[in-house]
Amino acid sequence: MGEDPSWKLNDVSASEMVFWADLLDDPNPIHSDPEAARRLGFGNRTVNPGPVNLAYVLNLVAQEFGGTTPSRITARFLGNVMAGDDVTATLVEHTDSGGSAVLSRNGDEVVLQADFTMPEDPAS
């Protein structure tokens, strides 16, 4: 049996976090200021915005479903992705109608779990 389908990003960029926080209109300084992240108990690295972590999973879904995006998604945010982390989104269960995926950081810690439903085929 083969490996589960996955999508990987090495070395999550601190500067990309600032870009996405600005785009999302998220003023929380943990996304741009390592000192603010440290003061708030996150260590010395900035924290990736949660919607960006979910976007990594959506990249995987689009990759595996021919560019189609889900009609419904439910996500549980279980941890944080920090600047410099490596992340992997993995499909752990899937059918033509949807499935489940996880996002892990640095190879093992699951930080997001998502269940998704794909749009029904209008031709059926």
PDB file of N, CA and C in Angstrom:
ATOM      1  N   MET A   1       0.846  -1.182   0.000  1.00  0.00           N
ATOM      2  CA  MET A   1       0.000   0.000   0.000  1.00  0.00           C
ATOM      3  C   MET A   1       0.887   1.240   0.000  1.00  0.00           C
ATOM      4  N   GLY A   2       0.555   2.229  -0.821  1.00  0.00           N
ATOM      5  CA  GLY A   2       1.376   3.423  -0.956  1.00  0.00           C
ATOM      6  C   GLY A   2       1.158   4.422   0.154  1.00  0.00           C
ATOM      7  N   GLU A   3       1.949   5.456   0.090  1.00  0.00           N
ATOM      8  CA  GLU A   3       1.820   6.538   1.072  1.00  0.00           C
ATOM      9  C   GLU A   3       0.579   7.361   0.792  1.00  0.00           C
ATOM     10  N   ASP A   4       0.050   7.982   1.857  1.00  0.00           N
ATOM     11  CA  ASP A   4      -1.078   8.889   1.697  1.00  0.00           C
ATOM     12  C   ASP A   4      -0.626  10.114   0.908  1.00  0.00           C
ATOM     13  N   PRO A   5      -1.497  10.655   0.039  1.00  0.00           N
ATOM     14  CA  PRO A   5      -1.142  11.869  -0.710  1.00  0.00           C
ATOM     15  C   PRO A   5      -0.791  13.015   0.238  1.00  0.00           C
ATOM     16  N   SER A   6       0.219  13.794  -0.145  1.00  0.00           N
ATOM     17  CA  SER A   6       0.645  14.897   0.726  1.00  0.00           C
ATOM     18  C   SER A   6       1.091  16.104  -0.091  1.00  0.00           C
ATOM     19  N   TRP A   7       1.187  17.233   0.618  1.00  0.00           N
ATOM     20  CA  TRP A   7       1.664  18.504   0.077  1.00  0.00           C
ATOM     21  C   TRP A   7       2.606  19.071   1.128  1.00  0.00           C
ATOM     22  N   LYS A   8       3.814  19.486   0.721  1.00  0.00           N
ATOM     23  CA  LYS A   8       4.825  19.920   1.692  1.00  0.00           C
ATOM     24  C   LYS A   8       5.317  21.332   1.417  1.00  0.00           C
ATOM     25  N   LEU A   9       5.670  22.010   2.507  1.00  0.00           N
ATOM     26  CA  LEU A   9       6.331  23.309   2.432  1.00  0.00           C
ATOM     27  C   LEU A   9       7.441  23.305   3.469  1.00  0.00           C
ATOM     28  N   ASN A  10       8.662  23.498   3.014  1.00  0.00           N
ATOM     29  CA  ASN A  10       9.793  23.569   3.932  1.00  0.00           C
ATOM     30  C   ASN A  10      10.057  25.010   4.323  1.00  0.00           C
ATOM     31  N   ASP A  11      10.386  25.206   5.575  1.00  0.00           N
ATOM     32  CA  ASP A  11      10.825  26.504   6.094  1.00  0.00           C
ATOM     33  C   ASP A  11       9.779  27.602   5.894  1.00  0.00           C
ATOM     34  N   VAL A  12       8.690  27.512   6.657  1.00  0.00           N
ATOM     35  CA  VAL A  12       7.640  28.536   6.601  1.00  0.00           C
ATOM     36  C   VAL A  12       8.286  29.895   6.859  1.00  0.00           C
ATOM     37  N   SER A  13       8.026  30.827   5.976  1.00  0.00           N
ATOM     38  CA  SER A  13       8.716  32.118   5.952  1.00  0.00           C
ATOM     39  C   SER A  13       8.089  33.147   6.890  1.00  0.00           C
ATOM     40  N   ALA A  14       8.912  33.766   7.725  1.00  0.00           N
ATOM     41  CA  ALA A  14       8.442  34.841   8.603  1.00  0.00           C
ATOM     42  C   ALA A  14       7.939  36.026   7.782  1.00  0.00           C
ATOM     43  N   SER A  15       8.606  36.346   6.678  1.00  0.00           N
ATOM     44  CA  SER A  15       8.151  37.481   5.865  1.00  0.00           C
ATOM     45  C   SER A  15       6.811  37.179   5.197  1.00  0.00           C
ATOM     46  N   GLU A  16       6.574  35.926   4.823  1.00  0.00           N
ATOM     47  CA  GLU A  16       5.269  35.547   4.265  1.00  0.00           C
ATOM     48  C   GLU A  16       4.176  35.670   5.329  1.00  0.00           C
ATOM     49  N   MET A  17       4.518  35.397   6.590  1.00  0.00           N
ATOM     50  CA  MET A  17       3.542  35.558   7.674  1.00  0.00           C
ATOM     51  C   MET A  17       3.072  37.005   7.760  1.00  0.00           C
ATOM     52  N   VAL A  18       4.012  37.930   7.633  1.00  0.00           N
ATOM     53  CA  VAL A  18       3.668  39.358   7.673  1.00  0.00           C
ATOM     54  C   VAL A  18       2.752  39.695   6.496  1.00  0.00           C
ATOM     55  N   PHE A  19       3.095  39.209   5.308  1.00  0.00           N
ATOM     56  CA  PHE A  19       2.271  39.446   4.123  1.00  0.00           C
ATOM     57  C   PHE A  19       0.848  38.950   4.346  1.00  0.00           C
ATOM     58  N   TRP A  20       0.716  37.697   4.807  1.00  0.00           N
ATOM     59  CA  TRP A  20      -0.621  37.119   4.985  1.00  0.00           C
ATOM     60  C   TRP A  20      -1.388  37.793   6.112  1.00  0.00           C
ATOM     61  N   ALA A  21      -0.723  38.137   7.192  1.00  0.00           N
ATOM     62  CA  ALA A  21      -1.411  38.842   8.283  1.00  0.00           C
ATOM     63  C   ALA A  21      -1.961  40.174   7.778  1.00  0.00           C
ATOM     64  N   ASP A  22      -1.174  40.880   6.972  1.00  0.00           N
ATOM     65  CA  ASP A  22      -1.654  42.143   6.385  1.00  0.00           C
ATOM     66  C   ASP A  22      -2.850  41.896   5.467  1.00  0.00           C
ATOM     67  N   LEU A  23      -2.739  40.907   4.595  1.00  0.00           N
ATOM     68  CA  LEU A  23      -3.821  40.604   3.663  1.00  0.00           C
ATOM     69  C   LEU A  23      -5.102  40.201   4.403  1.00  0.00           C
ATOM     70  N   LEU A  24      -4.943  39.452   5.495  1.00  0.00           N
ATOM     71  CA  LEU A  24      -6.095  39.001   6.286  1.00  0.00           C
ATOM     72  C   LEU A  24      -6.592  40.063   7.260  1.00  0.00           C
ATOM     73  N   ASP A  25      -5.905  41.206   7.285  1.00  0.00           N
ATOM     74  CA  ASP A  25      -6.240  42.287   8.216  1.00  0.00           C
ATOM     75  C   ASP A  25      -6.203  41.796   9.663  1.00  0.00           C
ATOM     76  N   ASP A  26      -5.157  41.012   9.958  1.00  0.00           N
ATOM     77  CA  ASP A  26      -4.955  40.445  11.294  1.00  0.00           C
ATOM     78  C   ASP A  26      -3.820  41.218  11.970  1.00  0.00           C
ATOM     79  N   PRO A  27      -4.144  42.132  12.888  1.00  0.00           N
ATOM     80  CA  PRO A  27      -3.123  42.982  13.491  1.00  0.00           C
ATOM     81  C   PRO A  27      -2.344  42.324  14.636  1.00  0.00           C
ATOM     82  N   ASN A  28      -2.627  41.072  14.941  1.00  0.00           N
ATOM     83  CA  ASN A  28      -1.971  40.421  16.071  1.00  0.00           C
ATOM     84  C   ASN A  28      -0.451  40.425  15.858  1.00  0.00           C
ATOM     85  N   PRO A  29       0.313  40.997  16.786  1.00  0.00           N
ATOM     86  CA  PRO A  29       1.763  41.124  16.589  1.00  0.00           C
ATOM     87  C   PRO A  29       2.519  39.799  16.612  1.00  0.00           C
ATOM     88  N   ILE A  30       1.895  38.705  17.055  1.00  0.00           N
ATOM     89  CA  ILE A  30       2.607  37.421  17.056  1.00  0.00           C
ATOM     90  C   ILE A  30       2.949  36.964  15.641  1.00  0.00           C
ATOM     91  N   HIS A  31       2.297  37.546  14.627  1.00  0.00           N
ATOM     92  CA  HIS A  31       2.566  37.171  13.241  1.00  0.00           C
ATOM     93  C   HIS A  31       3.738  37.938  12.636  1.00  0.00           C
ATOM     94  N   SER A  32       4.173  39.019  13.290  1.00  0.00           N
ATOM     95  CA  SER A  32       5.210  39.861  12.691  1.00  0.00           C
ATOM     96  C   SER A  32       6.368  40.202  13.622  1.00  0.00           C
ATOM     97  N   ASP A  33       6.186  40.029  14.917  1.00  0.00           N
ATOM     98  CA  ASP A  33       7.174  40.490  15.893  1.00  0.00           C
ATOM     99  C   ASP A  33       7.590  39.338  16.807  1.00  0.00           C
ATOM    100  N   PRO A  34       8.806  38.800  16.620  1.00  0.00           N
ATOM    101  CA  PRO A  34       9.253  37.689  17.461  1.00  0.00           C
ATOM    102  C   PRO A  34       9.235  38.027  18.954  1.00  0.00           C
ATOM    103  N   GLU A  35       9.507  39.281  19.300  1.00  0.00           N
ATOM    104  CA  GLU A  35       9.487  39.687  20.713  1.00  0.00           C
ATOM    105  C   GLU A  35       8.066  39.602  21.272  1.00  0.00           C
ATOM    106  N   ALA A  36       7.079  40.029  20.505  1.00  0.00           N
ATOM    107  CA  ALA A  36       5.680  39.916  20.942  1.00  0.00           C
ATOM    108  C   ALA A  36       5.296  38.450  21.097  1.00  0.00           C
ATOM    109  N   ALA A  37       5.731  37.615  20.170  1.00  0.00           N
ATOM    110  CA  ALA A  37       5.452  36.177  20.277  1.00  0.00           C
ATOM    111  C   ALA A  37       6.083  35.608  21.545  1.00  0.00           C
ATOM    112  N   ARG A  38       7.317  36.023  21.844  1.00  0.00           N
ATOM    113  CA  ARG A  38       7.997  35.537  23.050  1.00  0.00           C
ATOM    114  C   ARG A  38       7.249  35.976  24.302  1.00  0.00           C
ATOM    115  N   ARG A  39       6.873  37.264  24.368  1.00  0.00           N
ATOM    116  CA  ARG A  39       6.160  37.787  25.545  1.00  0.00           C
ATOM    117  C   ARG A  39       4.847  37.043  25.792  1.00  0.00           C
ATOM    118  N   LEU A  40       4.225  36.578  24.728  1.00  0.00           N
ATOM    119  CA  LEU A  40       2.937  35.894  24.859  1.00  0.00           C
ATOM    120  C   LEU A  40       3.069  34.376  24.964  1.00  0.00           C
ATOM    121  N   GLY A  41       4.303  33.897  25.134  1.00  0.00           N
ATOM    122  CA  GLY A  41       4.517  32.482  25.414  1.00  0.00           C
ATOM    123  C   GLY A  41       4.694  31.577  24.213  1.00  0.00           C
ATOM    124  N   PHE A  42       4.970  32.147  23.046  1.00  0.00           N
ATOM    125  CA  PHE A  42       5.128  31.341  21.840  1.00  0.00           C
ATOM    126  C   PHE A  42       6.587  31.050  21.494  1.00  0.00           C
ATOM    127  N   GLY A  43       7.521  31.431  22.347  1.00  0.00           N
ATOM    128  CA  GLY A  43       8.926  31.260  22.019  1.00  0.00           C
ATOM    129  C   GLY A  43       9.429  32.440  21.208  1.00  0.00           C
ATOM    130  N   ASN A  44      10.571  32.262  20.562  1.00  0.00           N
ATOM    131  CA  ASN A  44      11.239  33.372  19.872  1.00  0.00           C
ATOM    132  C   ASN A  44      10.948  33.455  18.381  1.00  0.00           C
ATOM    133  N   ARG A  45       9.920  32.762  17.910  1.00  0.00           N
ATOM    134  CA  ARG A  45       9.595  32.796  16.481  1.00  0.00           C
ATOM    135  C   ARG A  45       8.157  33.269  16.295  1.00  0.00           C
ATOM    136  N   THR A  46       7.912  33.909  15.162  1.00  0.00           N
ATOM    137  CA  THR A  46       6.559  34.377  14.868  1.00  0.00           C
ATOM    138  C   THR A  46       5.639  33.198  14.540  1.00  0.00           C
ATOM    139  N   VAL A  47       4.329  33.454  14.679  1.00  0.00           N
ATOM    140  CA  VAL A  47       3.294  32.430  14.541  1.00  0.00           C
ATOM    141  C   VAL A  47       2.537  32.649  13.225  1.00  0.00           C
ATOM    142  N   ASN A  48       2.403  31.597  12.459  1.00  0.00           N
ATOM    143  CA  ASN A  48       1.671  31.667  11.195  1.00  0.00           C
ATOM    144  C   ASN A  48       0.177  31.890  11.461  1.00  0.00           C
ATOM    145  N   PRO A  49      -0.490  32.766  10.707  1.00  0.00           N
ATOM    146  CA  PRO A  49      -1.935  32.934  10.879  1.00  0.00           C
ATOM    147  C   PRO A  49      -2.680  31.622  10.597  1.00  0.00           C
ATOM    148  N   GLY A  50      -3.677  31.321  11.413  1.00  0.00           N
ATOM    149  CA  GLY A  50      -4.441  30.084  11.266  1.00  0.00           C
ATOM    150  C   GLY A  50      -5.029  29.865   9.883  1.00  0.00           C
ATOM    151  N   PRO A  51      -5.633  30.900   9.249  1.00  0.00           N
ATOM    152  CA  PRO A  51      -6.181  30.683   7.906  1.00  0.00           C
ATOM    153  C   PRO A  51      -5.126  30.250   6.887  1.00  0.00           C
ATOM    154  N   VAL A  52      -3.891  30.635   7.089  1.00  0.00           N
ATOM    155  CA  VAL A  52      -2.824  30.217   6.172  1.00  0.00           C
ATOM    156  C   VAL A  52      -2.550  28.728   6.356  1.00  0.00           C
ATOM    157  N   ASN A  53      -2.587  28.261   7.603  1.00  0.00           N
ATOM    158  CA  ASN A  53      -2.413  26.830   7.846  1.00  0.00           C
ATOM    159  C   ASN A  53      -3.515  26.036   7.142  1.00  0.00           C
ATOM    160  N   LEU A  54      -4.742  26.532   7.214  1.00  0.00           N
ATOM    161  CA  LEU A  54      -5.844  25.875   6.517  1.00  0.00           C
ATOM    162  C   LEU A  54      -5.623  25.917   5.002  1.00  0.00           C
ATOM    163  N   ALA A  55      -5.057  26.995   4.498  1.00  0.00           N
ATOM    164  CA  ALA A  55      -4.778  27.102   3.059  1.00  0.00           C
ATOM    165  C   ALA A  55      -3.805  26.020   2.598  1.00  0.00           C
ATOM    166  N   TYR A  56      -2.861  25.622   3.448  1.00  0.00           N
ATOM    167  CA  TYR A  56      -1.952  24.538   3.081  1.00  0.00           C
ATOM    168  C   TYR A  56      -2.741  23.256   2.817  1.00  0.00           C
ATOM    169  N   VAL A  57      -3.734  22.981   3.669  1.00  0.00           N
ATOM    170  CA  VAL A  57      -4.581  21.801   3.469  1.00  0.00           C
ATOM    171  C   VAL A  57      -5.389  21.949   2.176  1.00  0.00           C
ATOM    172  N   LEU A  58      -5.897  23.145   1.925  1.00  0.00           N
ATOM    173  CA  LEU A  58      -6.664  23.371   0.692  1.00  0.00           C
ATOM    174  C   LEU A  58      -5.790  23.197  -0.550  1.00  0.00           C
ATOM    175  N   ASN A  59      -4.501  23.537  -0.464  1.00  0.00           N
ATOM    176  CA  ASN A  59      -3.577  23.277  -1.573  1.00  0.00           C
ATOM    177  C   ASN A  59      -3.536  21.784  -1.883  1.00  0.00           C
ATOM    178  N   LEU A  60      -3.460  20.972  -0.837  1.00  0.00           N
ATOM    179  CA  LEU A  60      -3.438  19.521  -1.010  1.00  0.00           C
ATOM    180  C   LEU A  60      -4.737  19.033  -1.646  1.00  0.00           C
ATOM    181  N   VAL A  61      -5.868  19.504  -1.143  1.00  0.00           N
ATOM    182  CA  VAL A  61      -7.161  19.070  -1.683  1.00  0.00           C
ATOM    183  C   VAL A  61      -7.253  19.436  -3.167  1.00  0.00           C
ATOM    184  N   ALA A  62      -6.889  20.653  -3.515  1.00  0.00           N
ATOM    185  CA  ALA A  62      -6.921  21.067  -4.923  1.00  0.00           C
ATOM    186  C   ALA A  62      -5.986  20.207  -5.769  1.00  0.00           C
ATOM    187  N   GLN A  63      -4.811  19.892  -5.227  1.00  0.00           N
ATOM    188  CA  GLN A  63      -3.846  19.047  -5.934  1.00  0.00           C
ATOM    189  C   GLN A  63      -4.439  17.669  -6.217  1.00  0.00           C
ATOM    190  N   GLU A  64      -5.115  17.099  -5.250  1.00  0.00           N
ATOM    191  CA  GLU A  64      -5.614  15.729  -5.370  1.00  0.00           C
ATOM    192  C   GLU A  64      -6.973  15.626  -6.054  1.00  0.00           C
ATOM    193  N   PHE A  65      -7.703  16.731  -6.147  1.00  0.00           N
ATOM    194  CA  PHE A  65      -9.035  16.709  -6.748  1.00  0.00           C
ATOM    195  C   PHE A  65      -9.085  17.562  -8.019  1.00  0.00           C
ATOM    196  N   GLY A  66      -7.985  17.602  -8.747  1.00  0.00           N
ATOM    197  CA  GLY A  66      -7.969  18.243 -10.056  1.00  0.00           C
ATOM    198  C   GLY A  66      -8.260  19.731 -10.052  1.00  0.00           C
ATOM    199  N   GLY A  67      -7.850  20.417  -8.989  1.00  0.00           N
ATOM    200  CA  GLY A  67      -8.044  21.858  -8.912  1.00  0.00           C
ATOM    201  C   GLY A  67      -9.366  22.279  -8.300  1.00  0.00           C
ATOM    202  N   THR A  68     -10.246  21.317  -8.041  1.00  0.00           N
ATOM    203  CA  THR A  68     -11.538  21.627  -7.430  1.00  0.00           C
ATOM    204  C   THR A  68     -11.350  21.886  -5.938  1.00  0.00           C
ATOM    205  N   THR A  69     -12.071  22.855  -5.417  1.00  0.00           N
ATOM    206  CA  THR A  69     -12.009  23.151  -3.985  1.00  0.00           C
ATOM    207  C   THR A  69     -13.266  22.635  -3.296  1.00  0.00           C
ATOM    208  N   PRO A  70     -13.189  22.379  -1.994  1.00  0.00           N
ATOM    209  CA  PRO A  70     -14.330  21.809  -1.275  1.00  0.00           C
ATOM    210  C   PRO A  70     -15.537  22.748  -1.248  1.00  0.00           C
ATOM    211  N   SER A  71     -16.705  22.151  -1.179  1.00  0.00           N
ATOM    212  CA  SER A  71     -17.925  22.936  -0.982  1.00  0.00           C
ATOM    213  C   SER A  71     -18.165  23.177   0.504  1.00  0.00           C
ATOM    214  N   ARG A  72     -17.533  22.358   1.345  1.00  0.00           N
ATOM    215  CA  ARG A  72     -17.666  22.507   2.798  1.00  0.00           C
ATOM    216  C   ARG A  72     -16.382  21.996   3.445  1.00  0.00           C
ATOM    217  N   ILE A  73     -15.956  22.712   4.488  1.00  0.00           N
ATOM    218  CA  ILE A  73     -14.785  22.271   5.246  1.00  0.00           C
ATOM    219  C   ILE A  73     -14.983  22.626   6.713  1.00  0.00           C
ATOM    220  N   THR A  74     -14.617  21.689   7.566  1.00  0.00           N
ATOM    221  CA  THR A  74     -14.648  21.903   9.008  1.00  0.00           C
ATOM    222  C   THR A  74     -13.240  21.633   9.522  1.00  0.00           C
ATOM    223  N   ALA A  75     -12.687  22.575  10.265  1.00  0.00           N
ATOM    224  CA  ALA A  75     -11.301  22.428  10.721  1.00  0.00           C
ATOM    225  C   ALA A  75     -11.204  22.579  12.227  1.00  0.00           C
ATOM    226  N   ARG A  76     -10.268  21.825  12.801  1.00  0.00           N
ATOM    227  CA  ARG A  76      -9.910  21.962  14.214  1.00  0.00           C
ATOM    228  C   ARG A  76      -8.446  22.386  14.264  1.00  0.00           C
ATOM    229  N   PHE A  77      -8.202  23.529  14.884  1.00  0.00           N
ATOM    230  CA  PHE A  77      -6.847  24.052  15.019  1.00  0.00           C
ATOM    231  C   PHE A  77      -6.291  23.529  16.337  1.00  0.00           C
ATOM    232  N   LEU A  78      -5.259  22.688  16.259  1.00  0.00           N
ATOM    233  CA  LEU A  78      -4.744  21.965  17.415  1.00  0.00           C
ATOM    234  C   LEU A  78      -3.403  22.485  17.908  1.00  0.00           C
ATOM    235  N   GLY A  79      -2.761  23.325  17.133  1.00  0.00           N
ATOM    236  CA  GLY A  79      -1.452  23.844  17.499  1.00  0.00           C
ATOM    237  C   GLY A  79      -1.056  24.954  16.543  1.00  0.00           C
ATOM    238  N   ASN A  80       0.176  25.391  16.657  1.00  0.00           N
ATOM    239  CA  ASN A  80       0.666  26.518  15.861  1.00  0.00           C
ATOM    240  C   ASN A  80       1.791  26.096  14.932  1.00  0.00           C
ATOM    241  N   VAL A  81       1.880  26.802  13.829  1.00  0.00           N
ATOM    242  CA  VAL A  81       3.019  26.696  12.918  1.00  0.00           C
ATOM    243  C   VAL A  81       3.853  27.947  13.134  1.00  0.00           C
ATOM    244  N   MET A  82       5.151  27.753  13.316  1.00  0.00           N
ATOM    245  CA  MET A  82       6.064  28.840  13.624  1.00  0.00           C
ATOM    246  C   MET A  82       6.999  29.096  12.440  1.00  0.00           C
ATOM    247  N   ALA A  83       7.545  30.293  12.386  1.00  0.00           N
ATOM    248  CA  ALA A  83       8.530  30.628  11.359  1.00  0.00           C
ATOM    249  C   ALA A  83       9.658  29.599  11.386  1.00  0.00           C
ATOM    250  N   GLY A  84      10.011  29.106  10.218  1.00  0.00           N
ATOM    251  CA  GLY A  84      11.080  28.124  10.099  1.00  0.00           C
ATOM    252  C   GLY A  84      10.621  26.683  10.141  1.00  0.00           C
ATOM    253  N   ASP A  85       9.368  26.435  10.524  1.00  0.00           N
ATOM    254  CA  ASP A  85       8.860  25.065  10.556  1.00  0.00           C
ATOM    255  C   ASP A  85       8.714  24.514   9.145  1.00  0.00           C
ATOM    256  N   ASP A  86       8.789  23.199   9.041  1.00  0.00           N
ATOM    257  CA  ASP A  86       8.417  22.480   7.830  1.00  0.00           C
ATOM    258  C   ASP A  86       7.014  21.937   8.063  1.00  0.00           C
ATOM    259  N   VAL A  87       6.124  22.068   7.086  1.00  0.00           N
ATOM    260  CA  VAL A  87       4.760  21.571   7.243  1.00  0.00           C
ATOM    261  C   VAL A  87       4.426  20.575   6.136  1.00  0.00           C
ATOM    262  N   THR A  88       3.572  19.627   6.492  1.00  0.00           N
ATOM    263  CA  THR A  88       3.081  18.636   5.542  1.00  0.00           C
ATOM    264  C   THR A  88       1.587  18.466   5.744  1.00  0.00           C
ATOM    265  N   ALA A  89       0.838  18.666   4.679  1.00  0.00           N
ATOM    266  CA  ALA A  89      -0.595  18.358   4.678  1.00  0.00           C
ATOM    267  C   ALA A  89      -0.742  16.960   4.083  1.00  0.00           C
ATOM    268  N   THR A  90      -1.524  16.106   4.749  1.00  0.00           N
ATOM    269  CA  THR A  90      -1.681  14.719   4.329  1.00  0.00           C
ATOM    270  C   THR A  90      -3.149  14.334   4.309  1.00  0.00           C
ATOM    271  N   LEU A  91      -3.581  13.717   3.213  1.00  0.00           N
ATOM    272  CA  LEU A  91      -4.927  13.144   3.166  1.00  0.00           C
ATOM    273  C   LEU A  91      -4.888  11.828   3.930  1.00  0.00           C
ATOM    274  N   VAL A  92      -5.690  11.712   4.970  1.00  0.00           N
ATOM    275  CA  VAL A  92      -5.694  10.489   5.768  1.00  0.00           C
ATOM    276  C   VAL A  92      -6.879   9.602   5.421  1.00  0.00           C
ATOM    277  N   GLU A  93      -7.847  10.175   4.724  1.00  0.00           N
ATOM    278  CA  GLU A  93      -9.017   9.426   4.274  1.00  0.00           C
ATOM    279  C   GLU A  93      -9.657  10.237   3.159  1.00  0.00           C
ATOM    280  N   HIS A  94     -10.025   9.573   2.066  1.00  0.00           N
ATOM    281  CA  HIS A  94     -10.720  10.321   1.021  1.00  0.00           C
ATOM    282  C   HIS A  94     -11.461   9.406   0.057  1.00  0.00           C
ATOM    283  N   THR A  95     -12.547   9.950  -0.460  1.00  0.00           N
ATOM    284  CA  THR A  95     -13.339   9.337  -1.519  1.00  0.00           C
ATOM    285  C   THR A  95     -13.584  10.436  -2.549  1.00  0.00           C
ATOM    286  N   ASP A  96     -14.344  10.129  -3.573  1.00  0.00           N
ATOM    287  CA  ASP A  96     -14.671  11.159  -4.563  1.00  0.00           C
ATOM    288  C   ASP A  96     -15.502  12.284  -3.966  1.00  0.00           C
ATOM    289  N   SER A  97     -16.207  12.007  -2.851  1.00  0.00           N
ATOM    290  CA  SER A  97     -17.106  13.015  -2.271  1.00  0.00           C
ATOM    291  C   SER A  97     -16.480  13.828  -1.141  1.00  0.00           C
ATOM    292  N   GLY A  98     -15.255  13.489  -0.714  1.00  0.00           N
ATOM    293  CA  GLY A  98     -14.622  14.261   0.354  1.00  0.00           C
ATOM    294  C   GLY A  98     -13.629  13.431   1.133  1.00  0.00           C
ATOM    295  N   GLY A  99     -13.326  13.903   2.350  1.00  0.00           N
ATOM    296  CA  GLY A  99     -12.375  13.171   3.166  1.00  0.00           C
ATOM    297  C   GLY A  99     -11.889  13.957   4.354  1.00  0.00           C
ATOM    298  N   SER A 100     -10.743  13.515   4.875  1.00  0.00           N
ATOM    299  CA  SER A 100     -10.101  14.141   6.029  1.00  0.00           C
ATOM    300  C   SER A 100      -8.625  14.345   5.729  1.00  0.00           C
ATOM    301  N   ALA A 101      -8.088  15.417   6.276  1.00  0.00           N
ATOM    302  CA  ALA A 101      -6.671  15.723   6.100  1.00  0.00           C
ATOM    303  C   ALA A 101      -6.123  16.279   7.402  1.00  0.00           C
ATOM    304  N   VAL A 102      -4.820  16.147   7.571  1.00  0.00           N
ATOM    305  CA  VAL A 102      -4.141  16.740   8.720  1.00  0.00           C
ATOM    306  C   VAL A 102      -2.984  17.582   8.215  1.00  0.00           C
ATOM    307  N   LEU A 103      -2.619  18.575   9.017  1.00  0.00           N
ATOM    308  CA  LEU A 103      -1.411  19.360   8.784  1.00  0.00           C
ATOM    309  C   LEU A 103      -0.489  19.089   9.955  1.00  0.00           C
ATOM    310  N   SER A 104       0.722  18.654   9.646  1.00  0.00           N
ATOM    311  CA  SER A 104       1.707  18.423  10.702  1.00  0.00           C
ATOM    312  C   SER A 104       2.893  19.351  10.494  1.00  0.00           C
ATOM    313  N   ARG A 105       3.569  19.626  11.599  1.00  0.00           N
ATOM    314  CA  ARG A 105       4.758  20.468  11.518  1.00  0.00           C
ATOM    315  C   ARG A 105       5.956  19.652  11.955  1.00  0.00           C
ATOM    316  N   ASN A 106       7.042  19.865  11.258  1.00  0.00           N
ATOM    317  CA  ASN A 106       8.315  19.228  11.567  1.00  0.00           C
ATOM    318  C   ASN A 106       8.204  17.711  11.658  1.00  0.00           C
ATOM    319  N   GLY A 107       7.341  17.152  10.812  1.00  0.00           N
ATOM    320  CA  GLY A 107       7.281  15.711  10.653  1.00  0.00           C
ATOM    321  C   GLY A 107       6.340  14.948  11.543  1.00  0.00           C
ATOM    322  N   ASP A 108       5.913  15.520  12.676  1.00  0.00           N
ATOM    323  CA  ASP A 108       5.131  14.669  13.564  1.00  0.00           C
ATOM    324  C   ASP A 108       3.978  15.348  14.300  1.00  0.00           C
ATOM    325  N   GLU A 109       4.090  16.588  14.677  1.00  0.00           N
ATOM    326  CA  GLU A 109       3.067  17.232  15.497  1.00  0.00           C
ATOM    327  C   GLU A 109       1.896  17.701  14.635  1.00  0.00           C
ATOM    328  N   VAL A 110       0.719  17.096  14.838  1.00  0.00           N
ATOM    329  CA  VAL A 110      -0.472  17.498  14.090  1.00  0.00           C
ATOM    330  C   VAL A 110      -0.987  18.807  14.672  1.00  0.00           C
ATOM    331  N   VAL A 111      -1.100  19.825  13.815  1.00  0.00           N
ATOM    332  CA  VAL A 111      -1.538  21.150  14.267  1.00  0.00           C
ATOM    333  C   VAL A 111      -2.906  21.540  13.714  1.00  0.00           C
ATOM    334  N   LEU A 112      -3.425  20.753  12.767  1.00  0.00           N
ATOM    335  CA  LEU A 112      -4.735  21.052  12.188  1.00  0.00           C
ATOM    336  C   LEU A 112      -5.319  19.758  11.642  1.00  0.00           C
ATOM    337  N   GLN A 113      -6.612  19.579  11.876  1.00  0.00           N
ATOM    338  CA  GLN A 113      -7.339  18.445  11.307  1.00  0.00           C
ATOM    339  C   GLN A 113      -8.549  19.010  10.590  1.00  0.00           C
ATOM    340  N   ALA A 114      -8.791  18.564   9.369  1.00  0.00           N
ATOM    341  CA  ALA A 114      -9.905  19.094   8.578  1.00  0.00           C
ATOM    342  C   ALA A 114     -10.682  17.966   7.913  1.00  0.00           C
ATOM    343  N   ASP A 115     -12.001  18.110   7.924  1.00  0.00           N
ATOM    344  CA  ASP A 115     -12.901  17.240   7.168  1.00  0.00           C
ATOM    345  C   ASP A 115     -13.502  18.091   6.058  1.00  0.00           C
ATOM    346  N   PHE A 116     -13.599  17.538   4.873  1.00  0.00           N
ATOM    347  CA  PHE A 116     -14.092  18.329   3.753  1.00  0.00           C
ATOM    348  C   PHE A 116     -15.045  17.513   2.888  1.00  0.00           C
ATOM    349  N   THR A 117     -15.943  18.245   2.237  1.00  0.00           N
ATOM    350  CA  THR A 117     -16.892  17.674   1.288  1.00  0.00           C
ATOM    351  C   THR A 117     -16.666  18.349  -0.055  1.00  0.00           C
ATOM    352  N   MET A 118     -16.575  17.542  -1.087  1.00  0.00           N
ATOM    353  CA  MET A 118     -16.389  18.087  -2.426  1.00  0.00           C
ATOM    354  C   MET A 118     -17.756  18.371  -3.050  1.00  0.00           C
ATOM    355  N   PRO A 119     -17.811  19.318  -3.989  1.00  0.00           N
ATOM    356  CA  PRO A 119     -19.083  19.629  -4.640  1.00  0.00           C
ATOM    357  C   PRO A 119     -19.625  18.408  -5.384  1.00  0.00           C
ATOM    358  N   GLU A 120     -20.933  18.279  -5.394  1.00  0.00           N
ATOM    359  CA  GLU A 120     -21.543  17.199  -6.161  1.00  0.00           C
ATOM    360  C   GLU A 120     -21.363  17.486  -7.641  1.00  0.00           C
ATOM    361  N   ASP A 121     -21.171  16.442  -8.408  1.00  0.00           N
ATOM    362  CA  ASP A 121     -21.019  16.577  -9.851  1.00  0.00           C
ATOM    363  C   ASP A 121     -22.373  16.953 -10.446  1.00  0.00           C
ATOM    364  N   PRO A 122     -22.472  18.118 -11.080  1.00  0.00           N
ATOM    365  CA  PRO A 122     -23.761  18.532 -11.625  1.00  0.00           C
ATOM    366  C   PRO A 122     -24.273  17.605 -12.727  1.00  0.00           C
ATOM    367  N   ALA A 123     -23.406  16.789 -13.318  1.00  0.00           N
ATOM    368  CA  ALA A 123     -23.821  15.882 -14.387  1.00  0.00           C
ATOM    369  C   ALA A 123     -24.472  14.608 -13.848  1.00  0.00           C
ATOM    370  N   SER A 124     -24.366  14.354 -12.540  1.00  0.00           N
ATOM    371  CA  SER A 124     -24.910  13.096 -12.006  1.00  0.00           C
ATOM    372  C   SER A 124     -26.354  13.211 -11.596  1.00  0.00           C
TER     373      SER A 124
END
